[in-house]
Amino acid sequence: MEERNTIKMSKVTLERIAKIIAIVFFSCFFIFFIVNGIYETEMLKGPTKQIPGVLIEIREASSKSRNKALVKYSVNGKEYDFYSDEYYLDMNVGDSVLVEYSIKDPSVAFVAKKNINLISN
């Protein structure tokens, strides 16, 4: 009888531990995204520069995700990429976009203009 109680207690204890671990994991994940968003916002408030970038991949929205495109750009010979959540279905892979990036951290960037061919010099 005592062995059954021990097994039940162990199972309940393991379930509690699993719940605690899940809560801690999701909390850390959530905090990471908040801190990362704040960091990117602060970097883009500082000095920025605009350069051409290229659409590498375009993903159409599904019931679980939004439209997005993988944008690639180069700063001082180093290549960077990021996903942009704007509407890109009217564009093609290989099309140019204008990327604005943080001079302090070139990995922080966004698409400033979708069709670079519309930019007048």
PDB file of N, CA and C in Angstrom:
ATOM      1  N   MET A   1       0.817  -1.191   0.000  1.00  0.00           N
ATOM      2  CA  MET A   1       0.000   0.000   0.000  1.00  0.00           C
ATOM      3  C   MET A   1       0.867   1.264   0.000  1.00  0.00           C
ATOM      4  N   GLU A   2       1.883   1.248   0.823  1.00  0.00           N
ATOM      5  CA  GLU A   2       2.759   2.409   0.917  1.00  0.00           C
ATOM      6  C   GLU A   2       3.514   2.618  -0.390  1.00  0.00           C
ATOM      7  N   GLU A   3       3.838   1.522  -1.087  1.00  0.00           N
ATOM      8  CA  GLU A   3       4.550   1.620  -2.363  1.00  0.00           C
ATOM      9  C   GLU A   3       3.681   2.323  -3.404  1.00  0.00           C
ATOM     10  N   ARG A   4       2.380   2.042  -3.423  1.00  0.00           N
ATOM     11  CA  ARG A   4       1.466   2.700  -4.368  1.00  0.00           C
ATOM     12  C   ARG A   4       1.403   4.200  -4.103  1.00  0.00           C
ATOM     13  N   ASN A   5       1.344   4.598  -2.846  1.00  0.00           N
ATOM     14  CA  ASN A   5       1.318   6.019  -2.494  1.00  0.00           C
ATOM     15  C   ASN A   5       2.599   6.719  -2.932  1.00  0.00           C
ATOM     16  N   THR A   6       3.718   6.021  -2.757  1.00  0.00           N
ATOM     17  CA  THR A   6       4.995   6.587  -3.167  1.00  0.00           C
ATOM     18  C   THR A   6       5.018   6.794  -4.684  1.00  0.00           C
ATOM     19  N   ILE A   7       4.513   5.803  -5.421  1.00  0.00           N
ATOM     20  CA  ILE A   7       4.478   5.912  -6.880  1.00  0.00           C
ATOM     21  C   ILE A   7       3.555   7.050  -7.292  1.00  0.00           C
ATOM     22  N   LYS A   8       2.380   7.170  -6.655  1.00  0.00           N
ATOM     23  CA  LYS A   8       1.452   8.252  -6.963  1.00  0.00           C
ATOM     24  C   LYS A   8       2.077   9.606  -6.638  1.00  0.00           C
ATOM     25  N   MET A   9       2.726   9.685  -5.495  1.00  0.00           N
ATOM     26  CA  MET A   9       3.372  10.926  -5.108  1.00  0.00           C
ATOM     27  C   MET A   9       4.478  11.297  -6.080  1.00  0.00           C
ATOM     28  N   SER A  10       5.242  10.307  -6.499  1.00  0.00           N
ATOM     29  CA  SER A  10       6.316  10.571  -7.437  1.00  0.00           C
ATOM     30  C   SER A  10       5.756  11.074  -8.759  1.00  0.00           C
ATOM     31  N   LYS A  11       4.666  10.495  -9.207  1.00  0.00           N
ATOM     32  CA  LYS A  11       4.052  10.909 -10.464  1.00  0.00           C
ATOM     33  C   LYS A  11       3.527  12.345 -10.355  1.00  0.00           C
ATOM     34  N   VAL A  12       2.874  12.673  -9.251  1.00  0.00           N
ATOM     35  CA  VAL A  12       2.375  14.023  -9.031  1.00  0.00           C
ATOM     36  C   VAL A  12       3.528  15.012  -8.941  1.00  0.00           C
ATOM     37  N   THR A  13       4.592  14.628  -8.250  1.00  0.00           N
ATOM     38  CA  THR A  13       5.761  15.490  -8.120  1.00  0.00           C
ATOM     39  C   THR A  13       6.401  15.742  -9.485  1.00  0.00           C
ATOM     40  N   LEU A  14       6.530  14.695 -10.295  1.00  0.00           N
ATOM     41  CA  LEU A  14       7.105  14.852 -11.634  1.00  0.00           C
ATOM     42  C   LEU A  14       6.232  15.754 -12.508  1.00  0.00           C
ATOM     43  N   GLU A  15       4.923  15.630 -12.400  1.00  0.00           N
ATOM     44  CA  GLU A  15       4.016  16.485 -13.166  1.00  0.00           C
ATOM     45  C   GLU A  15       4.177  17.944 -12.742  1.00  0.00           C
ATOM     46  N   ARG A  16       4.302  18.182 -11.460  1.00  0.00           N
ATOM     47  CA  ARG A  16       4.506  19.547 -10.966  1.00  0.00           C
ATOM     48  C   ARG A  16       5.831  20.122 -11.462  1.00  0.00           C
ATOM     49  N   ILE A  17       6.882  19.313 -11.397  1.00  0.00           N
ATOM     50  CA  ILE A  17       8.192  19.748 -11.865  1.00  0.00           C
ATOM     51  C   ILE A  17       8.134  20.068 -13.362  1.00  0.00           C
ATOM     52  N   ALA A  18       7.459  19.226 -14.136  1.00  0.00           N
ATOM     53  CA  ALA A  18       7.336  19.456 -15.584  1.00  0.00           C
ATOM     54  C   ALA A  18       6.591  20.762 -15.858  1.00  0.00           C
ATOM     55  N   LYS A  19       5.548  21.040 -15.094  1.00  0.00           N
ATOM     56  CA  LYS A  19       4.788  22.290 -15.256  1.00  0.00           C
ATOM     57  C   LYS A  19       5.661  23.501 -14.919  1.00  0.00           C
ATOM     58  N   ILE A  20       6.419  23.394 -13.853  1.00  0.00           N
ATOM     59  CA  ILE A  20       7.307  24.490 -13.447  1.00  0.00           C
ATOM     60  C   ILE A  20       8.357  24.743 -14.517  1.00  0.00           C
ATOM     61  N   ILE A  21       8.950  23.676 -15.055  1.00  0.00           N
ATOM     62  CA  ILE A  21       9.955  23.814 -16.108  1.00  0.00           C
ATOM     63  C   ILE A  21       9.332  24.469 -17.345  1.00  0.00           C
ATOM     64  N   ALA A  22       8.123  24.053 -17.708  1.00  0.00           N
ATOM     65  CA  ALA A  22       7.447  24.634 -18.876  1.00  0.00           C
ATOM     66  C   ALA A  22       7.178  26.123 -18.663  1.00  0.00           C
ATOM     67  N   ILE A  23       6.740  26.485 -17.474  1.00  0.00           N
ATOM     68  CA  ILE A  23       6.465  27.898 -17.171  1.00  0.00           C
ATOM     69  C   ILE A  23       7.751  28.721 -17.238  1.00  0.00           C
ATOM     70  N   VAL A  24       8.823  28.203 -16.673  1.00  0.00           N
ATOM     71  CA  VAL A  24      10.106  28.907 -16.699  1.00  0.00           C
ATOM     72  C   VAL A  24      10.604  29.050 -18.137  1.00  0.00           C
ATOM     73  N   PHE A  25      10.502  27.989 -18.921  1.00  0.00           N
ATOM     74  CA  PHE A  25      10.951  28.025 -20.312  1.00  0.00           C
ATOM     75  C   PHE A  25      10.178  29.071 -21.110  1.00  0.00           C
ATOM     76  N   PHE A  26       8.856  29.044 -21.035  1.00  0.00           N
ATOM     77  CA  PHE A  26       8.051  29.995 -21.791  1.00  0.00           C
ATOM     78  C   PHE A  26       8.245  31.427 -21.292  1.00  0.00           C
ATOM     79  N   SER A  27       8.471  31.586 -20.008  1.00  0.00           N
ATOM     80  CA  SER A  27       8.750  32.921 -19.478  1.00  0.00           C
ATOM     81  C   SER A  27      10.063  33.466 -20.036  1.00  0.00           C
ATOM     82  N   CYS A  28      11.091  32.649 -20.066  1.00  0.00           N
ATOM     83  CA  CYS A  28      12.379  33.065 -20.618  1.00  0.00           C
ATOM     84  C   CYS A  28      12.246  33.391 -22.103  1.00  0.00           C
ATOM     85  N   PHE A  29      11.507  32.570 -22.832  1.00  0.00           N
ATOM     86  CA  PHE A  29      11.263  32.788 -24.252  1.00  0.00           C
ATOM     87  C   PHE A  29      10.562  34.124 -24.464  1.00  0.00           C
ATOM     88  N   PHE A  30       9.539  34.403 -23.685  1.00  0.00           N
ATOM     89  CA  PHE A  30       8.775  35.639 -23.777  1.00  0.00           C
ATOM     90  C   PHE A  30       9.653  36.844 -23.449  1.00  0.00           C
ATOM     91  N   ILE A  31      10.437  36.755 -22.390  1.00  0.00           N
ATOM     92  CA  ILE A  31      11.329  37.840 -21.981  1.00  0.00           C
ATOM     93  C   ILE A  31      12.377  38.110 -23.064  1.00  0.00           C
ATOM     94  N   PHE A  32      12.910  37.048 -23.678  1.00  0.00           N
ATOM     95  CA  PHE A  32      13.883  37.211 -24.752  1.00  0.00           C
ATOM     96  C   PHE A  32      13.303  38.059 -25.886  1.00  0.00           C
ATOM     97  N   PHE A  33      12.075  37.753 -26.306  1.00  0.00           N
ATOM     98  CA  PHE A  33      11.477  38.498 -27.410  1.00  0.00           C
ATOM     99  C   PHE A  33      11.186  39.949 -27.036  1.00  0.00           C
ATOM    100  N   ILE A  34      10.812  40.190 -25.819  1.00  0.00           N
ATOM    101  CA  ILE A  34      10.584  41.571 -25.382  1.00  0.00           C
ATOM    102  C   ILE A  34      11.902  42.343 -25.383  1.00  0.00           C
ATOM    103  N   VAL A  35      12.934  41.766 -24.788  1.00  0.00           N
ATOM    104  CA  VAL A  35      14.238  42.433 -24.714  1.00  0.00           C
ATOM    105  C   VAL A  35      14.800  42.634 -26.120  1.00  0.00           C
ATOM    106  N   ASN A  36      14.680  41.630 -26.979  1.00  0.00           N
ATOM    107  CA  ASN A  36      15.176  41.740 -28.348  1.00  0.00           C
ATOM    108  C   ASN A  36      14.442  42.846 -29.108  1.00  0.00           C
ATOM    109  N   GLY A  37      13.131  42.946 -28.943  1.00  0.00           N
ATOM    110  CA  GLY A  37      12.358  43.999 -29.588  1.00  0.00           C
ATOM    111  C   GLY A  37      12.768  45.383 -29.116  1.00  0.00           C
ATOM    112  N   ILE A  38      12.997  45.521 -27.825  1.00  0.00           N
ATOM    113  CA  ILE A  38      13.440  46.804 -27.264  1.00  0.00           C
ATOM    114  C   ILE A  38      14.827  47.153 -27.815  1.00  0.00           C
ATOM    115  N   TYR A  39      15.715  46.167 -27.872  1.00  0.00           N
ATOM    116  CA  TYR A  39      17.072  46.395 -28.389  1.00  0.00           C
ATOM    117  C   TYR A  39      17.013  46.868 -29.840  1.00  0.00           C
ATOM    118  N   GLU A  40      16.231  46.168 -30.676  1.00  0.00           N
ATOM    119  CA  GLU A  40      16.137  46.548 -32.082  1.00  0.00           C
ATOM    120  C   GLU A  40      15.553  47.946 -32.245  1.00  0.00           C
ATOM    121  N   THR A  41      14.535  48.272 -31.464  1.00  0.00           N
ATOM    122  CA  THR A  41      13.938  49.602 -31.524  1.00  0.00           C
ATOM    123  C   THR A  41      14.961  50.670 -31.168  1.00  0.00           C
ATOM    124  N   GLU A  42      15.736  50.437 -30.122  1.00  0.00           N
ATOM    125  CA  GLU A  42      16.754  51.404 -29.703  1.00  0.00           C
ATOM    126  C   GLU A  42      17.852  51.546 -30.753  1.00  0.00           C
ATOM    127  N   MET A  43      18.264  50.449 -31.362  1.00  0.00           N
ATOM    128  CA  MET A  43      19.311  50.510 -32.381  1.00  0.00           C
ATOM    129  C   MET A  43      18.838  51.317 -33.595  1.00  0.00           C
ATOM    130  N   LEU A  44      17.566  51.174 -33.950  1.00  0.00           N
ATOM    131  CA  LEU A  44      17.051  51.877 -35.132  1.00  0.00           C
ATOM    132  C   LEU A  44      16.708  53.335 -34.838  1.00  0.00           C
ATOM    133  N   LYS A  45      16.689  53.738 -33.553  1.00  0.00           N
ATOM    134  CA  LYS A  45      16.508  55.155 -33.210  1.00  0.00           C
ATOM    135  C   LYS A  45      17.798  55.927 -33.443  1.00  0.00           C
ATOM    136  N   GLY A  46      18.917  55.211 -33.384  1.00  0.00           N
ATOM    137  CA  GLY A  46      20.218  55.846 -33.573  1.00  0.00           C
ATOM    138  C   GLY A  46      20.519  56.041 -35.046  1.00  0.00           C
ATOM    139  N   PRO A  47      21.781  56.283 -35.375  1.00  0.00           N
ATOM    140  CA  PRO A  47      22.145  56.512 -36.779  1.00  0.00           C
ATOM    141  C   PRO A  47      21.899  55.252 -37.615  1.00  0.00           C
ATOM    142  N   THR A  48      21.276  55.445 -38.786  1.00  0.00           N
ATOM    143  CA  THR A  48      20.996  54.343 -39.695  1.00  0.00           C
ATOM    144  C   THR A  48      21.517  54.687 -41.084  1.00  0.00           C
ATOM    145  N   LYS A  49      21.574  53.686 -41.913  1.00  0.00           N
ATOM    146  CA  LYS A  49      22.015  53.872 -43.292  1.00  0.00           C
ATOM    147  C   LYS A  49      21.146  52.998 -44.187  1.00  0.00           C
ATOM    148  N   GLN A  50      20.898  53.443 -45.402  1.00  0.00           N
ATOM    149  CA  GLN A  50      20.093  52.684 -46.350  1.00  0.00           C
ATOM    150  C   GLN A  50      20.982  52.120 -47.458  1.00  0.00           C
ATOM    151  N   ILE A  51      20.730  50.851 -47.791  1.00  0.00           N
ATOM    152  CA  ILE A  51      21.459  50.171 -48.865  1.00  0.00           C
ATOM    153  C   ILE A  51      20.504  49.221 -49.581  1.00  0.00           C
ATOM    154  N   PRO A  52      20.859  48.772 -50.785  1.00  0.00           N
ATOM    155  CA  PRO A  52      20.004  47.806 -51.478  1.00  0.00           C
ATOM    156  C   PRO A  52      20.100  46.423 -50.839  1.00  0.00           C
ATOM    157  N   GLY A  53      18.981  45.725 -50.871  1.00  0.00           N
ATOM    158  CA  GLY A  53      18.922  44.346 -50.428  1.00  0.00           C
ATOM    159  C   GLY A  53      18.180  43.530 -51.474  1.00  0.00           C
ATOM    160  N   VAL A  54      18.168  42.220 -51.321  1.00  0.00           N
ATOM    161  CA  VAL A  54      17.542  41.328 -52.302  1.00  0.00           C
ATOM    162  C   VAL A  54      16.602  40.365 -51.592  1.00  0.00           C
ATOM    163  N   LEU A  55      15.443  40.108 -52.211  1.00  0.00           N
ATOM    164  CA  LEU A  55      14.522  39.106 -51.687  1.00  0.00           C
ATOM    165  C   LEU A  55      15.068  37.721 -52.044  1.00  0.00           C
ATOM    166  N   ILE A  56      15.301  36.919 -51.029  1.00  0.00           N
ATOM    167  CA  ILE A  56      15.860  35.584 -51.222  1.00  0.00           C
ATOM    168  C   ILE A  56      14.762  34.528 -51.225  1.00  0.00           C
ATOM    169  N   GLU A  57      13.712  34.770 -50.449  1.00  0.00           N
ATOM    170  CA  GLU A  57      12.623  33.809 -50.313  1.00  0.00           C
ATOM    171  C   GLU A  57      11.355  34.580 -49.984  1.00  0.00           C
ATOM    172  N   ILE A  58      10.238  34.153 -50.551  1.00  0.00           N
ATOM    173  CA  ILE A  58       8.948  34.769 -50.241  1.00  0.00           C
ATOM    174  C   ILE A  58       8.009  33.661 -49.797  1.00  0.00           C
ATOM    175  N   ARG A  59       7.426  33.826 -48.622  1.00  0.00           N
ATOM    176  CA  ARG A  59       6.492  32.830 -48.088  1.00  0.00           C
ATOM    177  C   ARG A  59       5.084  33.407 -48.061  1.00  0.00           C
ATOM    178  N   GLU A  60       4.175  32.666 -48.640  1.00  0.00           N
ATOM    179  CA  GLU A  60       2.780  33.088 -48.640  1.00  0.00           C
ATOM    180  C   GLU A  60       2.148  32.728 -47.302  1.00  0.00           C
ATOM    181  N   ALA A  61       1.234  33.560 -46.861  1.00  0.00           N
ATOM    182  CA  ALA A  61       0.573  33.345 -45.573  1.00  0.00           C
ATOM    183  C   ALA A  61      -0.212  32.042 -45.581  1.00  0.00           C
ATOM    184  N   SER A  62      -0.253  31.423 -44.425  1.00  0.00           N
ATOM    185  CA  SER A  62      -1.100  30.254 -44.217  1.00  0.00           C
ATOM    186  C   SER A  62      -1.977  30.544 -43.017  1.00  0.00           C
ATOM    187  N   SER A  63      -2.738  29.576 -42.607  1.00  0.00           N
ATOM    188  CA  SER A  63      -3.596  29.792 -41.441  1.00  0.00           C
ATOM    189  C   SER A  63      -2.779  29.987 -40.168  1.00  0.00           C
ATOM    190  N   LYS A  64      -1.507  29.545 -40.182  1.00  0.00           N
ATOM    191  CA  LYS A  64      -0.664  29.636 -38.990  1.00  0.00           C
ATOM    192  C   LYS A  64       0.421  30.708 -39.083  1.00  0.00           C
ATOM    193  N   SER A  65       0.603  31.316 -40.253  1.00  0.00           N
ATOM    194  CA  SER A  65       1.673  32.309 -40.380  1.00  0.00           C
ATOM    195  C   SER A  65       1.263  33.430 -41.326  1.00  0.00           C
ATOM    196  N   ARG A  66       2.015  34.533 -41.246  1.00  0.00           N
ATOM    197  CA  ARG A  66       1.754  35.695 -42.097  1.00  0.00           C
ATOM    198  C   ARG A  66       2.679  35.657 -43.307  1.00  0.00           C
ATOM    199  N   ASN A  67       2.368  36.525 -44.287  1.00  0.00           N
ATOM    200  CA  ASN A  67       3.286  36.691 -45.414  1.00  0.00           C
ATOM    201  C   ASN A  67       4.612  37.177 -44.872  1.00  0.00           C
ATOM    202  N   LYS A  68       5.694  36.668 -45.435  1.00  0.00           N
ATOM    203  CA  LYS A  68       6.998  37.199 -45.064  1.00  0.00           C
ATOM    204  C   LYS A  68       8.009  36.874 -46.142  1.00  0.00           C
ATOM    205  N   ALA A  69       9.090  37.623 -46.116  1.00  0.00           N
ATOM    206  CA  ALA A  69      10.155  37.420 -47.091  1.00  0.00           C
ATOM    207  C   ALA A  69      11.503  37.449 -46.389  1.00  0.00           C
ATOM    208  N   LEU A  70      12.407  36.634 -46.884  1.00  0.00           N
ATOM    209  CA  LEU A  70      13.779  36.645 -46.388  1.00  0.00           C
ATOM    210  C   LEU A  70      14.553  37.645 -47.233  1.00  0.00           C
ATOM    211  N   VAL A  71      15.117  38.650 -46.569  1.00  0.00           N
ATOM    212  CA  VAL A  71      15.840  39.731 -47.231  1.00  0.00           C
ATOM    213  C   VAL A  71      17.315  39.599 -46.891  1.00  0.00           C
ATOM    214  N   LYS A  72      18.163  39.713 -47.911  1.00  0.00           N
ATOM    215  CA  LYS A  72      19.608  39.601 -47.722  1.00  0.00           C
ATOM    216  C   LYS A  72      20.261  40.916 -48.132  1.00  0.00           C
ATOM    217  N   TYR A  73      21.252  41.340 -47.346  1.00  0.00           N
ATOM    218  CA  TYR A  73      21.990  42.563 -47.646  1.00  0.00           C
ATOM    219  C   TYR A  73      23.420  42.412 -47.132  1.00  0.00           C
ATOM    220  N   SER A  74      24.288  43.289 -47.576  1.00  0.00           N
ATOM    221  CA  SER A  74      25.702  43.199 -47.222  1.00  0.00           C
ATOM    222  C   SER A  74      26.197  44.550 -46.713  1.00  0.00           C
ATOM    223  N   VAL A  75      26.950  44.521 -45.609  1.00  0.00           N
ATOM    224  CA  VAL A  75      27.555  45.727 -45.038  1.00  0.00           C
ATOM    225  C   VAL A  75      29.037  45.436 -44.821  1.00  0.00           C
ATOM    226  N   ASN A  76      29.876  46.229 -45.461  1.00  0.00           N
ATOM    227  CA  ASN A  76      31.338  46.072 -45.338  1.00  0.00           C
ATOM    228  C   ASN A  76      31.796  44.638 -45.612  1.00  0.00           C
ATOM    229  N   GLY A  77      31.207  44.013 -46.616  1.00  0.00           N
ATOM    230  CA  GLY A  77      31.602  42.661 -47.011  1.00  0.00           C
ATOM    231  C   GLY A  77      30.978  41.541 -46.203  1.00  0.00           C
ATOM    232  N   LYS A  78      30.253  41.864 -45.147  1.00  0.00           N
ATOM    233  CA  LYS A  78      29.604  40.835 -44.334  1.00  0.00           C
ATOM    234  C   LYS A  78      28.124  40.773 -44.707  1.00  0.00           C
ATOM    235  N   GLU A  79      27.634  39.559 -44.964  1.00  0.00           N
ATOM    236  CA  GLU A  79      26.239  39.395 -45.364  1.00  0.00           C
ATOM    237  C   GLU A  79      25.337  39.187 -44.155  1.00  0.00           C
ATOM    238  N   TYR A  80      24.149  39.782 -44.233  1.00  0.00           N
ATOM    239  CA  TYR A  80      23.128  39.668 -43.199  1.00  0.00           C
ATOM    240  C   TYR A  80      21.820  39.295 -43.871  1.00  0.00           C
ATOM    241  N   ASP A  81      20.914  38.738 -43.091  1.00  0.00           N
ATOM    242  CA  ASP A  81      19.571  38.499 -43.604  1.00  0.00           C
ATOM    243  C   ASP A  81      18.575  38.591 -42.463  1.00  0.00           C
ATOM    244  N   PHE A  82      17.324  38.808 -42.821  1.00  0.00           N
ATOM    245  CA  PHE A  82      16.247  38.883 -41.836  1.00  0.00           C
ATOM    246  C   PHE A  82      14.926  38.628 -42.538  1.00  0.00           C
ATOM    247  N   TYR A  83      13.920  38.259 -41.747  1.00  0.00           N
ATOM    248  CA  TYR A  83      12.574  38.081 -42.282  1.00  0.00           C
ATOM    249  C   TYR A  83      11.789  39.366 -42.094  1.00  0.00           C
ATOM    250  N   SER A  84      11.132  39.795 -43.146  1.00  0.00           N
ATOM    251  CA  SER A  84      10.275  40.972 -43.112  1.00  0.00           C
ATOM    252  C   SER A  84       8.839  40.499 -43.264  1.00  0.00           C
ATOM    253  N   ASP A  85       7.943  40.999 -42.419  1.00  0.00           N
ATOM    254  CA  ASP A  85       6.554  40.541 -42.398  1.00  0.00           C
ATOM    255  C   ASP A  85       5.604  41.372 -43.255  1.00  0.00           C
ATOM    256  N   GLU A  86       6.126  42.074 -44.215  1.00  0.00           N
ATOM    257  CA  GLU A  86       5.260  42.873 -45.079  1.00  0.00           C
ATOM    258  C   GLU A  86       4.678  42.000 -46.192  1.00  0.00           C
ATOM    259  N   TYR A  87       3.813  42.590 -47.013  1.00  0.00           N
ATOM    260  CA  TYR A  87       3.197  41.888 -48.134  1.00  0.00           C
ATOM    261  C   TYR A  87       4.168  41.888 -49.316  1.00  0.00           C
ATOM    262  N   TYR A  88       4.591  40.705 -49.761  1.00  0.00           N
ATOM    263  CA  TYR A  88       5.555  40.603 -50.855  1.00  0.00           C
ATOM    264  C   TYR A  88       5.062  39.755 -52.017  1.00  0.00           C
ATOM    265  N   LEU A  89       3.791  39.368 -52.017  1.00  0.00           N
ATOM    266  CA  LEU A  89       3.314  38.470 -53.054  1.00  0.00           C
ATOM    267  C   LEU A  89       3.274  39.125 -54.428  1.00  0.00           C
ATOM    268  N   ASP A  90       3.370  40.457 -54.490  1.00  0.00           N
ATOM    269  CA  ASP A  90       3.428  41.153 -55.768  1.00  0.00           C
ATOM    270  C   ASP A  90       4.864  41.296 -56.270  1.00  0.00           C
ATOM    271  N   MET A  91       5.812  40.690 -55.566  1.00  0.00           N
ATOM    272  CA  MET A  91       7.229  40.763 -55.935  1.00  0.00           C
ATOM    273  C   MET A  91       7.749  39.352 -56.173  1.00  0.00           C
ATOM    274  N   ASN A  92       8.966  39.251 -56.673  1.00  0.00           N
ATOM    275  CA  ASN A  92       9.573  37.958 -56.978  1.00  0.00           C
ATOM    276  C   ASN A  92      10.907  37.803 -56.270  1.00  0.00           C
ATOM    277  N   VAL A  93      11.316  36.558 -56.086  1.00  0.00           N
ATOM    278  CA  VAL A  93      12.641  36.279 -55.544  1.00  0.00           C
ATOM    279  C   VAL A  93      13.656  36.921 -56.483  1.00  0.00           C
ATOM    280  N   GLY A  94      14.631  37.614 -55.918  1.00  0.00           N
ATOM    281  CA  GLY A  94      15.643  38.301 -56.706  1.00  0.00           C
ATOM    282  C   GLY A  94      15.360  39.785 -56.878  1.00  0.00           C
ATOM    283  N   ASP A  95      14.116  40.217 -56.562  1.00  0.00           N
ATOM    284  CA  ASP A  95      13.798  41.643 -56.644  1.00  0.00           C
ATOM    285  C   ASP A  95      14.556  42.414 -55.572  1.00  0.00           C
ATOM    286  N   SER A  96      14.826  43.684 -55.877  1.00  0.00           N
ATOM    287  CA  SER A  96      15.566  44.534 -54.949  1.00  0.00           C
ATOM    288  C   SER A  96      14.634  45.306 -54.022  1.00  0.00           C
ATOM    289  N   VAL A  97      15.104  45.533 -52.808  1.00  0.00           N
ATOM    290  CA  VAL A  97      14.405  46.362 -51.823  1.00  0.00           C
ATOM    291  C   VAL A  97      15.436  47.300 -51.198  1.00  0.00           C
ATOM    292  N   LEU A  98      14.960  48.339 -50.567  1.00  0.00           N
ATOM    293  CA  LEU A  98      15.849  49.250 -49.859  1.00  0.00           C
ATOM    294  C   LEU A  98      15.840  48.866 -48.383  1.00  0.00           C
ATOM    295  N   VAL A  99      16.997  48.519 -47.860  1.00  0.00           N
ATOM    296  CA  VAL A  99      17.147  48.090 -46.467  1.00  0.00           C
ATOM    297  C   VAL A  99      17.721  49.246 -45.661  1.00  0.00           C
ATOM    298  N   GLU A 100      17.134  49.507 -44.501  1.00  0.00           N
ATOM    299  CA  GLU A 100      17.694  50.487 -43.571  1.00  0.00           C
ATOM    300  C   GLU A 100      18.220  49.716 -42.366  1.00  0.00           C
ATOM    301  N   TYR A 101      19.504  49.909 -42.044  1.00  0.00           N
ATOM    302  CA  TYR A 101      20.115  49.169 -40.945  1.00  0.00           C
ATOM    303  C   TYR A 101      20.768  50.126 -39.951  1.00  0.00           C
ATOM    304  N   SER A 102      20.957  49.628 -38.746  1.00  0.00           N
ATOM    305  CA  SER A 102      21.617  50.400 -37.698  1.00  0.00           C
ATOM    306  C   SER A 102      23.123  50.412 -37.943  1.00  0.00           C
ATOM    307  N   ILE A 103      23.711  51.577 -37.912  1.00  0.00           N
ATOM    308  CA  ILE A 103      25.165  51.673 -38.083  1.00  0.00           C
ATOM    309  C   ILE A 103      25.877  51.025 -36.893  1.00  0.00           C
ATOM    310  N   LYS A 104      25.302  51.124 -35.704  1.00  0.00           N
ATOM    311  CA  LYS A 104      25.903  50.520 -34.514  1.00  0.00           C
ATOM    312  C   LYS A 104      25.856  48.992 -34.558  1.00  0.00           C
ATOM    313  N   ASP A 105      24.775  48.427 -35.118  1.00  0.00           N
ATOM    314  CA  ASP A 105      24.614  46.982 -35.219  1.00  0.00           C
ATOM    315  C   ASP A 105      23.954  46.663 -36.555  1.00  0.00           C
ATOM    316  N   PRO A 106      24.755  46.403 -37.597  1.00  0.00           N
ATOM    317  CA  PRO A 106      24.193  46.176 -38.927  1.00  0.00           C
ATOM    318  C   PRO A 106      23.247  44.982 -39.034  1.00  0.00           C
ATOM    319  N   SER A 107      23.219  44.117 -38.046  1.00  0.00           N
ATOM    320  CA  SER A 107      22.294  42.973 -38.094  1.00  0.00           C
ATOM    321  C   SER A 107      20.858  43.394 -37.791  1.00  0.00           C
ATOM    322  N   VAL A 108      20.665  44.617 -37.303  1.00  0.00           N
ATOM    323  CA  VAL A 108      19.333  45.144 -37.007  1.00  0.00           C
ATOM    324  C   VAL A 108      18.897  45.989 -38.200  1.00  0.00           C
ATOM    325  N   ALA A 109      17.852  45.531 -38.902  1.00  0.00           N
ATOM    326  CA  ALA A 109      17.446  46.213 -40.133  1.00  0.00           C
ATOM    327  C   ALA A 109      15.960  46.002 -40.408  1.00  0.00           C
ATOM    328  N   PHE A 110      15.456  46.800 -41.352  1.00  0.00           N
ATOM    329  CA  PHE A 110      14.087  46.632 -41.840  1.00  0.00           C
ATOM    330  C   PHE A 110      14.031  47.101 -43.288  1.00  0.00           C
ATOM    331  N   VAL A 111      12.954  46.735 -43.980  1.00  0.00           N
ATOM    332  CA  VAL A 111      12.779  47.163 -45.362  1.00  0.00           C
ATOM    333  C   VAL A 111      12.187  48.565 -45.349  1.00  0.00           C
ATOM    334  N   ALA A 112      12.938  49.531 -45.880  1.00  0.00           N
ATOM    335  CA  ALA A 112      12.488  50.920 -45.922  1.00  0.00           C
ATOM    336  C   ALA A 112      11.605  51.162 -47.143  1.00  0.00           C
ATOM    337  N   LYS A 113      11.887  50.456 -48.244  1.00  0.00           N
ATOM    338  CA  LYS A 113      11.089  50.602 -49.459  1.00  0.00           C
ATOM    339  C   LYS A 113      11.129  49.274 -50.201  1.00  0.00           C
ATOM    340  N   LYS A 114       9.951  48.816 -50.621  1.00  0.00           N
ATOM    341  CA  LYS A 114       9.877  47.488 -51.230  1.00  0.00           C
ATOM    342  C   LYS A 114      10.418  47.443 -52.658  1.00  0.00           C
ATOM    343  N   ASN A 115      10.182  48.445 -53.469  1.00  0.00           N
ATOM    344  CA  ASN A 115      10.634  48.391 -54.851  1.00  0.00           C
ATOM    345  C   ASN A 115      11.715  49.433 -55.070  1.00  0.00           C
ATOM    346  N   ILE A 116      12.950  48.979 -55.062  1.00  0.00           N
ATOM    347  CA  ILE A 116      14.085  49.902 -55.159  1.00  0.00           C
ATOM    348  C   ILE A 116      14.098  50.625 -56.494  1.00  0.00           C
ATOM    349  N   ASN A 117      13.451  50.070 -57.516  1.00  0.00           N
ATOM    350  CA  ASN A 117      13.421  50.703 -58.834  1.00  0.00           C
ATOM    351  C   ASN A 117      12.627  52.010 -58.800  1.00  0.00           C
ATOM    352  N   LEU A 118      11.839  52.243 -57.750  1.00  0.00           N
ATOM    353  CA  LEU A 118      11.059  53.461 -57.639  1.00  0.00           C
ATOM    354  C   LEU A 118      11.848  54.604 -57.010  1.00  0.00           C
ATOM    355  N   ILE A 119      13.068  54.316 -56.554  1.00  0.00           N
ATOM    356  CA  ILE A 119      13.877  55.325 -55.875  1.00  0.00           C
ATOM    357  C   ILE A 119      14.531  56.223 -56.910  1.00  0.00           C
ATOM    358  N   SER A 120      14.383  57.510 -56.742  1.00  0.00           N
ATOM    359  CA  SER A 120      15.037  58.441 -57.673  1.00  0.00           C
ATOM    360  C   SER A 120      16.335  58.940 -57.047  1.00  0.00           C
ATOM    361  N   ASN A 121      17.351  59.033 -57.860  1.00  0.00           N
ATOM    362  CA  ASN A 121      18.661  59.459 -57.352  1.00  0.00           C
ATOM    363  C   ASN A 121      18.827  60.945 -57.476  1.00  0.00           C
TER     364      ASN A 121
END
